[in-house]
């Protein structure tokens, strides 16, 4: 009859520690296991994003806003900028650029 495997890895590690007869070796193995658990937990912690990520994120949001403002001000004067051929679609371009910056905010960790 096959043996049932433990449902959690720690149950297997606990049973392995109980098999060690020498108390000093058992304590050493328990400390080593605890150290490995702490290292794994620390590796999973969030790390802050680099400065260039924040600069690009805020830069895209500001660029999108400036794109839309430039289009509106230029249309009041009668000039077709930033992209003359697409007309009112310049608004979508500006929102798209800003949207990329806002989507990047989901990955921002401080």
Protein backbone atom coordinates (compact mmCIF):
# COMPACT_ATOMS: atom_id res chain seq x y z
CA UNK A 1 0.00 0.00 0.00
CA UNK A 2 1.55 3.39 -1.02
CA UNK A 3 2.29 5.89 1.72
CA UNK A 4 0.42 9.18 1.66
CA UNK A 5 2.65 12.16 1.11
CA UNK A 6 2.46 15.06 3.54
CA UNK A 7 0.20 17.87 2.43
CA UNK A 8 2.75 20.56 3.24
CA UNK A 9 6.52 20.62 2.77
CA UNK A 10 7.00 21.68 6.41
CA UNK A 11 5.38 18.44 7.63
CA UNK A 12 8.01 16.46 5.75
CA UNK A 13 10.79 18.66 7.13
CA UNK A 14 9.43 18.29 10.67
CA UNK A 15 9.35 14.51 10.37
CA UNK A 16 12.91 14.54 8.97
CA UNK A 17 14.08 16.56 11.98
CA UNK A 18 12.47 14.07 14.36
CA UNK A 19 14.50 11.25 12.78
CA UNK A 20 17.79 12.87 13.78
CA UNK A 21 18.90 11.18 17.00
CA UNK A 22 21.65 13.58 18.04
CA UNK A 23 20.07 16.62 19.76
CA UNK A 24 22.91 18.92 18.66
CA UNK A 25 22.53 17.88 15.02
CA UNK A 26 18.75 18.19 15.29
CA UNK A 27 19.09 21.76 16.61
CA UNK A 28 21.59 22.59 13.88
CA UNK A 29 19.28 21.21 11.19
CA UNK A 30 16.33 23.13 12.64
CA UNK A 31 18.35 26.36 12.60
CA UNK A 32 19.41 25.73 9.02
CA UNK A 33 15.82 25.09 7.95
CA UNK A 34 14.68 28.27 9.70
CA UNK A 35 17.45 30.26 7.99
CA UNK A 36 16.39 28.93 4.59
CA UNK A 37 12.75 29.80 5.34
CA UNK A 38 13.73 33.36 6.29
CA UNK A 39 15.82 33.76 3.13
CA UNK A 40 12.91 32.57 0.99
CA UNK A 41 10.51 34.95 2.74
CA UNK A 42 12.91 37.88 2.33
CA UNK A 43 13.39 37.11 -1.36
CA UNK A 44 9.65 37.41 -1.92
CA UNK A 45 9.44 40.85 -0.34
CA UNK A 46 8.66 43.75 -2.62
CA UNK A 47 11.58 45.80 -3.74
CA UNK A 48 11.21 49.46 -4.70
CA UNK A 49 11.24 50.29 -8.39
CA UNK A 50 14.26 52.13 -9.83
CA UNK A 51 14.28 55.88 -10.28
CA UNK A 52 14.17 55.63 -14.09
CA UNK A 53 10.83 53.77 -13.86
CA UNK A 54 9.27 56.62 -11.90
CA UNK A 55 10.73 59.22 -14.27
CA UNK A 56 9.30 57.47 -17.33
CA UNK A 57 5.94 56.93 -15.63
CA UNK A 58 5.48 60.56 -14.60
CA UNK A 59 7.00 61.74 -17.87
CA UNK A 60 4.41 59.85 -19.92
CA UNK A 61 1.55 61.22 -17.85
CA UNK A 62 2.84 64.78 -18.23
CA UNK A 63 3.57 64.29 -21.95
CA UNK A 64 0.01 63.06 -22.54
CA UNK A 65 -1.41 66.06 -20.71
CA UNK A 66 0.81 68.46 -22.64
CA UNK A 67 -0.20 66.78 -25.92
CA UNK A 68 -3.88 67.40 -25.21
CA UNK A 69 -3.30 70.98 -24.02
CA UNK A 70 -1.18 71.71 -27.10
CA UNK A 71 -3.90 70.38 -29.37
CA UNK A 72 -6.64 72.45 -27.71
CA UNK A 73 -4.61 75.68 -27.65
CA UNK A 74 -3.49 75.19 -31.25
CA UNK A 75 -7.04 74.52 -32.42
CA UNK A 76 -8.17 77.81 -30.83
CA UNK A 77 -5.57 79.65 -32.89
CA UNK A 78 -6.37 77.61 -36.02
CA UNK A 79 -3.08 75.73 -36.28
CA UNK A 80 -3.11 71.98 -36.83
CA UNK A 81 -0.54 70.56 -34.39
CA UNK A 82 0.77 68.19 -32.88
CA UNK A 83 -0.15 65.79 -35.75
CA UNK A 84 -1.96 67.76 -38.48
CA UNK A 85 -3.40 64.86 -40.46
CA UNK A 86 -5.44 63.19 -37.72
CA UNK A 87 -7.40 66.17 -36.41
CA UNK A 88 -9.40 65.41 -33.25
CA UNK A 89 -7.74 62.00 -32.88
CA UNK A 90 -4.88 63.92 -31.27
CA UNK A 91 -6.97 63.76 -28.10
CA UNK A 92 -6.89 59.96 -28.21
CA UNK A 93 -3.14 60.01 -28.79
CA UNK A 94 -2.68 62.24 -25.73
CA UNK A 95 -4.93 60.06 -23.58
CA UNK A 96 -3.14 56.95 -24.83
CA UNK A 97 0.26 58.32 -23.84
CA UNK A 98 -1.04 59.32 -20.41
CA UNK A 99 -2.79 55.96 -20.02
CA UNK A 100 0.51 54.12 -20.44
CA UNK A 101 1.87 56.20 -17.53
CA UNK A 102 -1.18 55.39 -15.41
CA UNK A 103 -0.87 51.68 -16.19
CA UNK A 104 2.77 51.87 -15.10
CA UNK A 105 1.53 53.14 -11.73
CA UNK A 106 0.23 49.65 -10.97
CA UNK A 107 3.80 48.42 -10.85
CA UNK A 108 5.08 51.26 -8.68
CA UNK A 109 6.41 50.13 -5.31
CA UNK A 110 8.10 52.48 -2.89
